[in-house]
Amino acid sequence: MNREETTLLGFEIVAYAGDARSKLLESLKAAQEGDFDKAEQLVVAAEENIVGAHNAQTSLLQKEAAGEDLAYSVTMMHGQDHLMTTILLKDTIKHFIELYRRVGK
């Protein structure tokens, strides 16, 4: 896999993770407003984007595991960072949604 291919895969991960992050922050706002159905729907949509990012990441891992030499890409590193922080954000926001639900009772 050449540098351009690795970079493009990095952009794909950034795009999926960025979309997921936006949906997660929107879900938090919905929960703050008491719209828990919308909040949950947005979390599900974010999780679908995270799966897309994870699939792109997995394809890279499979190539490396098969012995393919992968070119270094800062964009790929950036994508990995976005994906990791978005997954953490998802877990945190799920807890916040539950807290807002309990406080609202």
PDB file of N, CA and C in Angstrom:
ATOM      1  N   MET A   1       0.852  -1.166   0.000  1.00  0.00           N
ATOM      2  CA  MET A   1       0.000   0.000   0.000  1.00  0.00           C
ATOM      3  C   MET A   1       0.902   1.234   0.000  1.00  0.00           C
ATOM      4  N   ASN A   2       0.713   2.096  -0.974  1.00  0.00           N
ATOM      5  CA  ASN A   2       1.574   3.279  -1.064  1.00  0.00           C
ATOM      6  C   ASN A   2       1.054   4.404  -0.159  1.00  0.00           C
ATOM      7  N   ARG A   3       1.844   5.452  -0.080  1.00  0.00           N
ATOM      8  CA  ARG A   3       1.510   6.564   0.815  1.00  0.00           C
ATOM      9  C   ARG A   3       0.171   7.205   0.462  1.00  0.00           C
ATOM     10  N   GLU A   4      -0.103   7.370  -0.810  1.00  0.00           N
ATOM     11  CA  GLU A   4      -1.369   7.988  -1.228  1.00  0.00           C
ATOM     12  C   GLU A   4      -2.557   7.142  -0.776  1.00  0.00           C
ATOM     13  N   GLU A   5      -2.466   5.844  -0.933  1.00  0.00           N
ATOM     14  CA  GLU A   5      -3.554   4.949  -0.503  1.00  0.00           C
ATOM     15  C   GLU A   5      -3.748   5.002   1.014  1.00  0.00           C
ATOM     16  N   THR A   6      -2.651   5.030   1.736  1.00  0.00           N
ATOM     17  CA  THR A   6      -2.731   5.119   3.195  1.00  0.00           C
ATOM     18  C   THR A   6      -3.345   6.448   3.609  1.00  0.00           C
ATOM     19  N   THR A   7      -2.956   7.505   2.946  1.00  0.00           N
ATOM     20  CA  THR A   7      -3.507   8.828   3.246  1.00  0.00           C
ATOM     21  C   THR A   7      -5.004   8.871   2.964  1.00  0.00           C
ATOM     22  N   LEU A   8      -5.422   8.313   1.845  1.00  0.00           N
ATOM     23  CA  LEU A   8      -6.848   8.293   1.513  1.00  0.00           C
ATOM     24  C   LEU A   8      -7.645   7.494   2.543  1.00  0.00           C
ATOM     25  N   LEU A   9      -7.091   6.399   3.002  1.00  0.00           N
ATOM     26  CA  LEU A   9      -7.743   5.619   4.045  1.00  0.00           C
ATOM     27  C   LEU A   9      -7.830   6.442   5.334  1.00  0.00           C
ATOM     28  N   GLY A  10      -6.803   7.212   5.624  1.00  0.00           N
ATOM     29  CA  GLY A  10      -6.828   8.106   6.783  1.00  0.00           C
ATOM     30  C   GLY A  10      -7.934   9.140   6.667  1.00  0.00           C
ATOM     31  N   PHE A  11      -8.095   9.725   5.485  1.00  0.00           N
ATOM     32  CA  PHE A  11      -9.177  10.691   5.273  1.00  0.00           C
ATOM     33  C   PHE A  11     -10.545  10.038   5.459  1.00  0.00           C
ATOM     34  N   GLU A  12     -10.679   8.806   5.022  1.00  0.00           N
ATOM     35  CA  GLU A  12     -11.943   8.084   5.187  1.00  0.00           C
ATOM     36  C   GLU A  12     -12.274   7.920   6.675  1.00  0.00           C
ATOM     37  N   ILE A  13     -11.273   7.545   7.446  1.00  0.00           N
ATOM     38  CA  ILE A  13     -11.476   7.381   8.888  1.00  0.00           C
ATOM     39  C   ILE A  13     -11.828   8.719   9.531  1.00  0.00           C
ATOM     40  N   VAL A  14     -11.125   9.781   9.153  1.00  0.00           N
ATOM     41  CA  VAL A  14     -11.412  11.112   9.694  1.00  0.00           C
ATOM     42  C   VAL A  14     -12.850  11.506   9.366  1.00  0.00           C
ATOM     43  N   ALA A  15     -13.287  11.270   8.145  1.00  0.00           N
ATOM     44  CA  ALA A  15     -14.641  11.658   7.741  1.00  0.00           C
ATOM     45  C   ALA A  15     -15.696  10.904   8.547  1.00  0.00           C
ATOM     46  N   TYR A  16     -15.549   9.593   8.647  1.00  0.00           N
ATOM     47  CA  TYR A  16     -16.514   8.803   9.423  1.00  0.00           C
ATOM     48  C   TYR A  16     -16.513   9.219  10.890  1.00  0.00           C
ATOM     49  N   ALA A  17     -15.334   9.348  11.466  1.00  0.00           N
ATOM     50  CA  ALA A  17     -15.238   9.711  12.885  1.00  0.00           C
ATOM     51  C   ALA A  17     -15.765  11.125  13.124  1.00  0.00           C
ATOM     52  N   GLY A  18     -15.493  12.036  12.201  1.00  0.00           N
ATOM     53  CA  GLY A  18     -15.999  13.397  12.329  1.00  0.00           C
ATOM     54  C   GLY A  18     -17.512  13.461  12.276  1.00  0.00           C
ATOM     55  N   ASP A  19     -18.111  12.696  11.362  1.00  0.00           N
ATOM     56  CA  ASP A  19     -19.574  12.643  11.296  1.00  0.00           C
ATOM     57  C   ASP A  19     -20.142  12.062  12.586  1.00  0.00           C
ATOM     58  N   ALA A  20     -19.509  11.018  13.095  1.00  0.00           N
ATOM     59  CA  ALA A  20     -19.967  10.403  14.345  1.00  0.00           C
ATOM     60  C   ALA A  20     -19.874  11.403  15.488  1.00  0.00           C
ATOM     61  N   ARG A  21     -18.771  12.123  15.557  1.00  0.00           N
ATOM     62  CA  ARG A  21     -18.575  13.103  16.633  1.00  0.00           C
ATOM     63  C   ARG A  21     -19.668  14.168  16.591  1.00  0.00           C
ATOM     64  N   SER A  22     -19.982  14.671  15.414  1.00  0.00           N
ATOM     65  CA  SER A  22     -21.035  15.685  15.277  1.00  0.00           C
ATOM     66  C   SER A  22     -22.380  15.153  15.756  1.00  0.00           C
ATOM     67  N   LYS A  23     -22.690  13.932  15.382  1.00  0.00           N
ATOM     68  CA  LYS A  23     -23.957  13.322  15.808  1.00  0.00           C
ATOM     69  C   LYS A  23     -23.995  13.121  17.326  1.00  0.00           C
ATOM     70  N   LEU A  24     -22.874  12.744  17.895  1.00  0.00           N
ATOM     71  CA  LEU A  24     -22.823  12.534  19.338  1.00  0.00           C
ATOM     72  C   LEU A  24     -23.034  13.846  20.095  1.00  0.00           C
ATOM     73  N   LEU A  25     -22.411  14.917  19.636  1.00  0.00           N
ATOM     74  CA  LEU A  25     -22.606  16.202  20.299  1.00  0.00           C
ATOM     75  C   LEU A  25     -24.038  16.689  20.133  1.00  0.00           C
ATOM     76  N   GLU A  26     -24.633  16.425  18.989  1.00  0.00           N
ATOM     77  CA  GLU A  26     -26.041  16.763  18.770  1.00  0.00           C
ATOM     78  C   GLU A  26     -26.937  15.931  19.680  1.00  0.00           C
ATOM     79  N   SER A  27     -26.567  14.676  19.914  1.00  0.00           N
ATOM     80  CA  SER A  27     -27.373  13.824  20.799  1.00  0.00           C
ATOM     81  C   SER A  27     -27.332  14.344  22.232  1.00  0.00           C
ATOM     82  N   LEU A  28     -26.198  14.869  22.649  1.00  0.00           N
ATOM     83  CA  LEU A  28     -26.097  15.433  23.988  1.00  0.00           C
ATOM     84  C   LEU A  28     -27.020  16.630  24.128  1.00  0.00           C
ATOM     85  N   LYS A  29     -27.053  17.474  23.107  1.00  0.00           N
ATOM     86  CA  LYS A  29     -27.947  18.638  23.131  1.00  0.00           C
ATOM     87  C   LYS A  29     -29.403  18.193  23.193  1.00  0.00           C
ATOM     88  N   ALA A  30     -29.745  17.152  22.440  1.00  0.00           N
ATOM     89  CA  ALA A  30     -31.119  16.640  22.472  1.00  0.00           C
ATOM     90  C   ALA A  30     -31.463  16.130  23.871  1.00  0.00           C
ATOM     91  N   ALA A  31     -30.542  15.444  24.505  1.00  0.00           N
ATOM     92  CA  ALA A  31     -30.773  14.942  25.860  1.00  0.00           C
ATOM     93  C   ALA A  31     -30.940  16.100  26.840  1.00  0.00           C
ATOM     94  N   GLN A  32     -30.144  17.138  26.696  1.00  0.00           N
ATOM     95  CA  GLN A  32     -30.260  18.309  27.567  1.00  0.00           C
ATOM     96  C   GLN A  32     -31.642  18.934  27.447  1.00  0.00           C
ATOM     97  N   GLU A  33     -32.208  18.853  26.253  1.00  0.00           N
ATOM     98  CA  GLU A  33     -33.538  19.414  25.997  1.00  0.00           C
ATOM     99  C   GLU A  33     -34.657  18.430  26.336  1.00  0.00           C
ATOM    100  N   GLY A  34     -34.290  17.228  26.785  1.00  0.00           N
ATOM    101  CA  GLY A  34     -35.284  16.232  27.180  1.00  0.00           C
ATOM    102  C   GLY A  34     -35.798  15.364  26.048  1.00  0.00           C
ATOM    103  N   ASP A  35     -35.223  15.487  24.862  1.00  0.00           N
ATOM    104  CA  ASP A  35     -35.655  14.681  23.712  1.00  0.00           C
ATOM    105  C   ASP A  35     -34.781  13.429  23.635  1.00  0.00           C
ATOM    106  N   PHE A  36     -35.120  12.452  24.471  1.00  0.00           N
ATOM    107  CA  PHE A  36     -34.288  11.262  24.602  1.00  0.00           C
ATOM    108  C   PHE A  36     -34.410  10.318  23.406  1.00  0.00           C
ATOM    109  N   ASP A  37     -35.562  10.312  22.755  1.00  0.00           N
ATOM    110  CA  ASP A  37     -35.691   9.483  21.544  1.00  0.00           C
ATOM    111  C   ASP A  37     -34.726   9.970  20.461  1.00  0.00           C
ATOM    112  N   LYS A  38     -34.695  11.286  20.267  1.00  0.00           N
ATOM    113  CA  LYS A  38     -33.780  11.858  19.274  1.00  0.00           C
ATOM    114  C   LYS A  38     -32.337  11.593  19.679  1.00  0.00           C
ATOM    115  N   ALA A  39     -32.045  11.756  20.965  1.00  0.00           N
ATOM    116  CA  ALA A  39     -30.682  11.523  21.456  1.00  0.00           C
ATOM    117  C   ALA A  39     -30.249  10.092  21.159  1.00  0.00           C
ATOM    118  N   GLU A  40     -31.106   9.140  21.426  1.00  0.00           N
ATOM    119  CA  GLU A  40     -30.768   7.734  21.180  1.00  0.00           C
ATOM    120  C   GLU A  40     -30.603   7.453  19.689  1.00  0.00           C
ATOM    121  N   GLN A  41     -31.465   8.037  18.862  1.00  0.00           N
ATOM    122  CA  GLN A  41     -31.346   7.848  17.406  1.00  0.00           C
ATOM    123  C   GLN A  41     -30.021   8.392  16.892  1.00  0.00           C
ATOM    124  N   LEU A  42     -29.606   9.517  17.412  1.00  0.00           N
ATOM    125  CA  LEU A  42     -28.336  10.109  16.988  1.00  0.00           C
ATOM    126  C   LEU A  42     -27.154   9.261  17.439  1.00  0.00           C
ATOM    127  N   VAL A  43     -27.246   8.661  18.607  1.00  0.00           N
ATOM    128  CA  VAL A  43     -26.170   7.773  19.062  1.00  0.00           C
ATOM    129  C   VAL A  43     -26.073   6.565  18.138  1.00  0.00           C
ATOM    130  N   VAL A  44     -27.218   6.013  17.753  1.00  0.00           N
ATOM    131  CA  VAL A  44     -27.214   4.868  16.833  1.00  0.00           C
ATOM    132  C   VAL A  44     -26.593   5.270  15.497  1.00  0.00           C
ATOM    133  N   ALA A  45     -26.964   6.441  14.985  1.00  0.00           N
ATOM    134  CA  ALA A  45     -26.387   6.920  13.720  1.00  0.00           C
ATOM    135  C   ALA A  45     -24.885   7.127  13.858  1.00  0.00           C
ATOM    136  N   ALA A  46     -24.452   7.651  14.998  1.00  0.00           N
ATOM    137  CA  ALA A  46     -23.018   7.840  15.242  1.00  0.00           C
ATOM    138  C   ALA A  46     -22.304   6.499  15.282  1.00  0.00           C
ATOM    139  N   GLU A  47     -22.928   5.513  15.912  1.00  0.00           N
ATOM    140  CA  GLU A  47     -22.324   4.183  15.985  1.00  0.00           C
ATOM    141  C   GLU A  47     -22.146   3.582  14.593  1.00  0.00           C
ATOM    142  N   GLU A  48     -23.079   3.850  13.687  1.00  0.00           N
ATOM    143  CA  GLU A  48     -22.953   3.365  12.305  1.00  0.00           C
ATOM    144  C   GLU A  48     -21.740   3.998  11.626  1.00  0.00           C
ATOM    145  N   ASN A  49     -21.510   5.289  11.879  1.00  0.00           N
ATOM    146  CA  ASN A  49     -20.329   5.952  11.331  1.00  0.00           C
ATOM    147  C   ASN A  49     -19.048   5.394  11.933  1.00  0.00           C
ATOM    148  N   ILE A  50     -19.094   5.096  13.213  1.00  0.00           N
ATOM    149  CA  ILE A  50     -17.920   4.514  13.866  1.00  0.00           C
ATOM    150  C   ILE A  50     -17.608   3.157  13.260  1.00  0.00           C
ATOM    151  N   VAL A  51     -18.626   2.390  12.927  1.00  0.00           N
ATOM    152  CA  VAL A  51     -18.408   1.095  12.268  1.00  0.00           C
ATOM    153  C   VAL A  51     -17.726   1.305  10.920  1.00  0.00           C
ATOM    154  N   GLY A  52     -18.151   2.325  10.166  1.00  0.00           N
ATOM    155  CA  GLY A  52     -17.501   2.631   8.890  1.00  0.00           C
ATOM    156  C   GLY A  52     -16.032   2.954   9.068  1.00  0.00           C
ATOM    157  N   ALA A  53     -15.723   3.751  10.076  1.00  0.00           N
ATOM    158  CA  ALA A  53     -14.318   4.081  10.359  1.00  0.00           C
ATOM    159  C   ALA A  53     -13.552   2.840  10.790  1.00  0.00           C
ATOM    160  N   HIS A  54     -14.184   2.046  11.620  1.00  0.00           N
ATOM    161  CA  HIS A  54     -13.525   0.829  12.101  1.00  0.00           C
ATOM    162  C   HIS A  54     -13.262  -0.140  10.950  1.00  0.00           C
ATOM    163  N   ASN A  55     -14.193  -0.236  10.008  1.00  0.00           N
ATOM    164  CA  ASN A  55     -13.994  -1.116   8.847  1.00  0.00           C
ATOM    165  C   ASN A  55     -12.796  -0.660   8.014  1.00  0.00           C
ATOM    166  N   ALA A  56     -12.657   0.644   7.836  1.00  0.00           N
ATOM    167  CA  ALA A  56     -11.502   1.174   7.098  1.00  0.00           C
ATOM    168  C   ALA A  56     -10.215   0.850   7.851  1.00  0.00           C
ATOM    169  N   GLN A  57     -10.242   1.025   9.151  1.00  0.00           N
ATOM    170  CA  GLN A  57      -9.081   0.718   9.982  1.00  0.00           C
ATOM    171  C   GLN A  57      -8.739  -0.773   9.906  1.00  0.00           C
ATOM    172  N   THR A  58      -9.754  -1.609   9.957  1.00  0.00           N
ATOM    173  CA  THR A  58      -9.539  -3.054   9.921  1.00  0.00           C
ATOM    174  C   THR A  58      -8.897  -3.486   8.607  1.00  0.00           C
ATOM    175  N   SER A  59      -9.289  -2.857   7.509  1.00  0.00           N
ATOM    176  CA  SER A  59      -8.686  -3.215   6.218  1.00  0.00           C
ATOM    177  C   SER A  59      -7.188  -2.935   6.240  1.00  0.00           C
ATOM    178  N   LEU A  60      -6.811  -1.860   6.884  1.00  0.00           N
ATOM    179  CA  LEU A  60      -5.392  -1.524   7.009  1.00  0.00           C
ATOM    180  C   LEU A  60      -4.663  -2.548   7.875  1.00  0.00           C
ATOM    181  N   LEU A  61      -5.265  -2.901   8.988  1.00  0.00           N
ATOM    182  CA  LEU A  61      -4.661  -3.887   9.890  1.00  0.00           C
ATOM    183  C   LEU A  61      -4.493  -5.243   9.213  1.00  0.00           C
ATOM    184  N   GLN A  62      -5.481  -5.622   8.410  1.00  0.00           N
ATOM    185  CA  GLN A  62      -5.407  -6.900   7.695  1.00  0.00           C
ATOM    186  C   GLN A  62      -4.242  -6.898   6.706  1.00  0.00           C
ATOM    187  N   LYS A  63      -4.065  -5.789   6.014  1.00  0.00           N
ATOM    188  CA  LYS A  63      -2.956  -5.703   5.054  1.00  0.00           C
ATOM    189  C   LYS A  63      -1.618  -5.824   5.761  1.00  0.00           C
ATOM    190  N   GLU A  64      -1.500  -5.139   6.891  1.00  0.00           N
ATOM    191  CA  GLU A  64      -0.250  -5.213   7.626  1.00  0.00           C
ATOM    192  C   GLU A  64      -0.024  -6.622   8.173  1.00  0.00           C
ATOM    193  N   ALA A  65      -1.069  -7.245   8.682  1.00  0.00           N
ATOM    194  CA  ALA A  65      -0.955  -8.602   9.216  1.00  0.00           C
ATOM    195  C   ALA A  65      -0.566  -9.597   8.122  1.00  0.00           C
ATOM    196  N   ALA A  66      -0.960  -9.303   6.885  1.00  0.00           N
ATOM    197  CA  ALA A  66      -0.625 -10.170   5.762  1.00  0.00           C
ATOM    198  C   ALA A  66       0.798  -9.932   5.260  1.00  0.00           C
ATOM    199  N   GLY A  67       1.506  -8.993   5.884  1.00  0.00           N
ATOM    200  CA  GLY A  67       2.892  -8.752   5.517  1.00  0.00           C
ATOM    201  C   GLY A  67       3.099  -7.628   4.536  1.00  0.00           C
ATOM    202  N   GLU A  68       2.028  -6.935   4.175  1.00  0.00           N
ATOM    203  CA  GLU A  68       2.175  -5.832   3.221  1.00  0.00           C
ATOM    204  C   GLU A  68       2.881  -4.658   3.909  1.00  0.00           C
ATOM    205  N   ASP A  69       3.801  -4.044   3.189  1.00  0.00           N
ATOM    206  CA  ASP A  69       4.524  -2.890   3.705  1.00  0.00           C
ATOM    207  C   ASP A  69       3.641  -1.660   3.544  1.00  0.00           C
ATOM    208  N   LEU A  70       3.369  -0.985   4.656  1.00  0.00           N
ATOM    209  CA  LEU A  70       2.487   0.178   4.631  1.00  0.00           C
ATOM    210  C   LEU A  70       3.299   1.456   4.775  1.00  0.00           C
ATOM    211  N   ALA A  71       2.982   2.419   3.939  1.00  0.00           N
ATOM    212  CA  ALA A  71       3.654   3.710   4.001  1.00  0.00           C
ATOM    213  C   ALA A  71       3.107   4.521   5.177  1.00  0.00           C
ATOM    214  N   TYR A  72       3.986   5.267   5.821  1.00  0.00           N
ATOM    215  CA  TYR A  72       3.588   6.131   6.939  1.00  0.00           C
ATOM    216  C   TYR A  72       2.789   7.316   6.416  1.00  0.00           C
ATOM    217  N   SER A  73       1.743   7.673   7.140  1.00  0.00           N
ATOM    218  CA  SER A  73       0.931   8.814   6.760  1.00  0.00           C
ATOM    219  C   SER A  73       0.462   9.548   8.015  1.00  0.00           C
ATOM    220  N   VAL A  74       0.764  10.824   8.089  1.00  0.00           N
ATOM    221  CA  VAL A  74       0.295  11.630   9.201  1.00  0.00           C
ATOM    222  C   VAL A  74      -1.231  11.692   9.190  1.00  0.00           C
ATOM    223  N   THR A  75      -1.813  11.708   8.014  1.00  0.00           N
ATOM    224  CA  THR A  75      -3.272  11.717   7.901  1.00  0.00           C
ATOM    225  C   THR A  75      -3.866  10.463   8.523  1.00  0.00           C
ATOM    226  N   MET A  76      -3.228   9.337   8.321  1.00  0.00           N
ATOM    227  CA  MET A  76      -3.699   8.101   8.942  1.00  0.00           C
ATOM    228  C   MET A  76      -3.597   8.208  10.459  1.00  0.00           C
ATOM    229  N   MET A  77      -2.504   8.742  10.950  1.00  0.00           N
ATOM    230  CA  MET A  77      -2.356   8.915  12.393  1.00  0.00           C
ATOM    231  C   MET A  77      -3.447   9.833  12.934  1.00  0.00           C
ATOM    232  N   HIS A  78      -3.745  10.883  12.189  1.00  0.00           N
ATOM    233  CA  HIS A  78      -4.796  11.820  12.569  1.00  0.00           C
ATOM    234  C   HIS A  78      -6.151  11.094  12.602  1.00  0.00           C
ATOM    235  N   GLY A  79      -6.393  10.252  11.610  1.00  0.00           N
ATOM    236  CA  GLY A  79      -7.629   9.472  11.572  1.00  0.00           C
ATOM    237  C   GLY A  79      -7.753   8.544  12.771  1.00  0.00           C
ATOM    238  N   GLN A  80      -6.656   7.893  13.120  1.00  0.00           N
ATOM    239  CA  GLN A  80      -6.659   6.993  14.279  1.00  0.00           C
ATOM    240  C   GLN A  80      -6.985   7.774  15.544  1.00  0.00           C
ATOM    241  N   ASP A  81      -6.415   8.959  15.661  1.00  0.00           N
ATOM    242  CA  ASP A  81      -6.676   9.809  16.822  1.00  0.00           C
ATOM    243  C   ASP A  81      -8.150  10.199  16.885  1.00  0.00           C
ATOM    244  N   HIS A  82      -8.705  10.613  15.750  1.00  0.00           N
ATOM    245  CA  HIS A  82     -10.119  10.979  15.699  1.00  0.00           C
ATOM    246  C   HIS A  82     -11.011   9.801  16.083  1.00  0.00           C
ATOM    247  N   LEU A  83     -10.704   8.646  15.558  1.00  0.00           N
ATOM    248  CA  LEU A  83     -11.523   7.473  15.852  1.00  0.00           C
ATOM    249  C   LEU A  83     -11.464   7.138  17.339  1.00  0.00           C
ATOM    250  N   MET A  84     -10.285   7.119  17.907  1.00  0.00           N
ATOM    251  CA  MET A  84     -10.134   6.787  19.323  1.00  0.00           C
ATOM    252  C   MET A  84     -10.900   7.770  20.209  1.00  0.00           C
ATOM    253  N   THR A  85     -10.758   9.065  19.955  1.00  0.00           N
ATOM    254  CA  THR A  85     -11.434  10.042  20.805  1.00  0.00           C
ATOM    255  C   THR A  85     -12.945  10.019  20.589  1.00  0.00           C
ATOM    256  N   THR A  86     -13.387   9.695  19.391  1.00  0.00           N
ATOM    257  CA  THR A  86     -14.820   9.617  19.124  1.00  0.00           C
ATOM    258  C   THR A  86     -15.439   8.424  19.846  1.00  0.00           C
ATOM    259  N   ILE A  87     -14.736   7.315  19.885  1.00  0.00           N
ATOM    260  CA  ILE A  87     -15.236   6.154  20.619  1.00  0.00           C
ATOM    261  C   ILE A  87     -15.342   6.495  22.111  1.00  0.00           C
ATOM    262  N   LEU A  88     -14.359   7.175  22.638  1.00  0.00           N
ATOM    263  CA  LEU A  88     -14.410   7.600  24.038  1.00  0.00           C
ATOM    264  C   LEU A  88     -15.571   8.571  24.262  1.00  0.00           C
ATOM    265  N   LEU A  89     -15.755   9.499  23.334  1.00  0.00           N
ATOM    266  CA  LEU A  89     -16.860  10.450  23.429  1.00  0.00           C
ATOM    267  C   LEU A  89     -18.200   9.723  23.432  1.00  0.00           C
ATOM    268  N   LYS A  90     -18.342   8.722  22.582  1.00  0.00           N
ATOM    269  CA  LYS A  90     -19.591   7.953  22.526  1.00  0.00           C
ATOM    270  C   LYS A  90     -19.900   7.337  23.881  1.00  0.00           C
ATOM    271  N   ASP A  91     -18.922   6.696  24.480  1.00  0.00           N
ATOM    272  CA  ASP A  91     -19.134   6.059  25.779  1.00  0.00           C
ATOM    273  C   ASP A  91     -19.507   7.096  26.835  1.00  0.00           C
ATOM    274  N   THR A  92     -18.856   8.229  26.815  1.00  0.00           N
ATOM    275  CA  THR A  92     -19.124   9.283  27.793  1.00  0.00           C
ATOM    276  C   THR A  92     -20.515   9.881  27.587  1.00  0.00           C
ATOM    277  N   ILE A  93     -20.865  10.151  26.351  1.00  0.00           N
ATOM    278  CA  ILE A  93     -22.166  10.764  26.068  1.00  0.00           C
ATOM    279  C   ILE A  93     -23.306   9.816  26.416  1.00  0.00           C
ATOM    280  N   LYS A  94     -23.119   8.528  26.225  1.00  0.00           N
ATOM    281  CA  LYS A  94     -24.155   7.575  26.625  1.00  0.00           C
ATOM    282  C   LYS A  94     -24.431   7.700  28.125  1.00  0.00           C
ATOM    283  N   HIS A  95     -23.391   7.889  28.904  1.00  0.00           N
ATOM    284  CA  HIS A  95     -23.571   8.073  30.348  1.00  0.00           C
ATOM    285  C   HIS A  95     -24.281   9.403  30.649  1.00  0.00           C
ATOM    286  N   PHE A  96     -23.910  10.453  29.942  1.00  0.00           N
ATOM    287  CA  PHE A  96     -24.576  11.739  30.151  1.00  0.00           C
ATOM    288  C   PHE A  96     -26.055  11.669  29.797  1.00  0.00           C
ATOM    289  N   ILE A  97     -26.379  10.999  28.716  1.00  0.00           N
ATOM    290  CA  ILE A  97     -27.787  10.863  28.333  1.00  0.00           C
ATOM    291  C   ILE A  97     -28.563  10.172  29.450  1.00  0.00           C
ATOM    292  N   GLU A  98     -27.990   9.118  29.990  1.00  0.00           N
ATOM    293  CA  GLU A  98     -28.654   8.410  31.081  1.00  0.00           C
ATOM    294  C   GLU A  98     -28.798   9.316  32.310  1.00  0.00           C
ATOM    295  N   LEU A  99     -27.792  10.107  32.606  1.00  0.00           N
ATOM    296  CA  LEU A  99     -27.888  11.044  33.730  1.00  0.00           C
ATOM    297  C   LEU A  99     -28.992  12.080  33.508  1.00  0.00           C
ATOM    298  N   TYR A 100     -29.061  12.634  32.286  1.00  0.00           N
ATOM    299  CA  TYR A 100     -30.131  13.589  31.984  1.00  0.00           C
ATOM    300  C   TYR A 100     -31.501  12.918  32.098  1.00  0.00           C
ATOM    301  N   ARG A 101     -31.599  11.693  31.695  1.00  0.00           N
ATOM    302  CA  ARG A 101     -32.863  10.966  31.782  1.00  0.00           C
ATOM    303  C   ARG A 101     -33.281  10.820  33.252  1.00  0.00           C
ATOM    304  N   ARG A 102     -32.337  10.469  34.113  1.00  0.00           N
ATOM    305  CA  ARG A 102     -32.636  10.287  35.540  1.00  0.00           C
ATOM    306  C   ARG A 102     -32.964  11.590  36.245  1.00  0.00           C
ATOM    307  N   VAL A 103     -32.254  12.641  35.892  1.00  0.00           N
ATOM    308  CA  VAL A 103     -32.488  13.943  36.521  1.00  0.00           C
ATOM    309  C   VAL A 103     -33.856  14.483  36.107  1.00  0.00           C
ATOM    310  N   GLY A 104     -34.264  14.170  34.899  1.00  0.00           N
ATOM    311  CA  GLY A 104     -35.538  14.669  34.377  1.00  0.00           C
ATOM    312  C   GLY A 104     -36.759  14.011  35.007  1.00  0.00           C
ATOM    313  N   LYS A 105     -36.555  12.924  35.743  1.00  0.00           N
ATOM    314  CA  LYS A 105     -37.715  12.220  36.338  1.00  0.00           C
ATOM    315  C   LYS A 105     -38.209  12.915  37.570  1.00  0.00           C
TER     316      LYS A 105
END
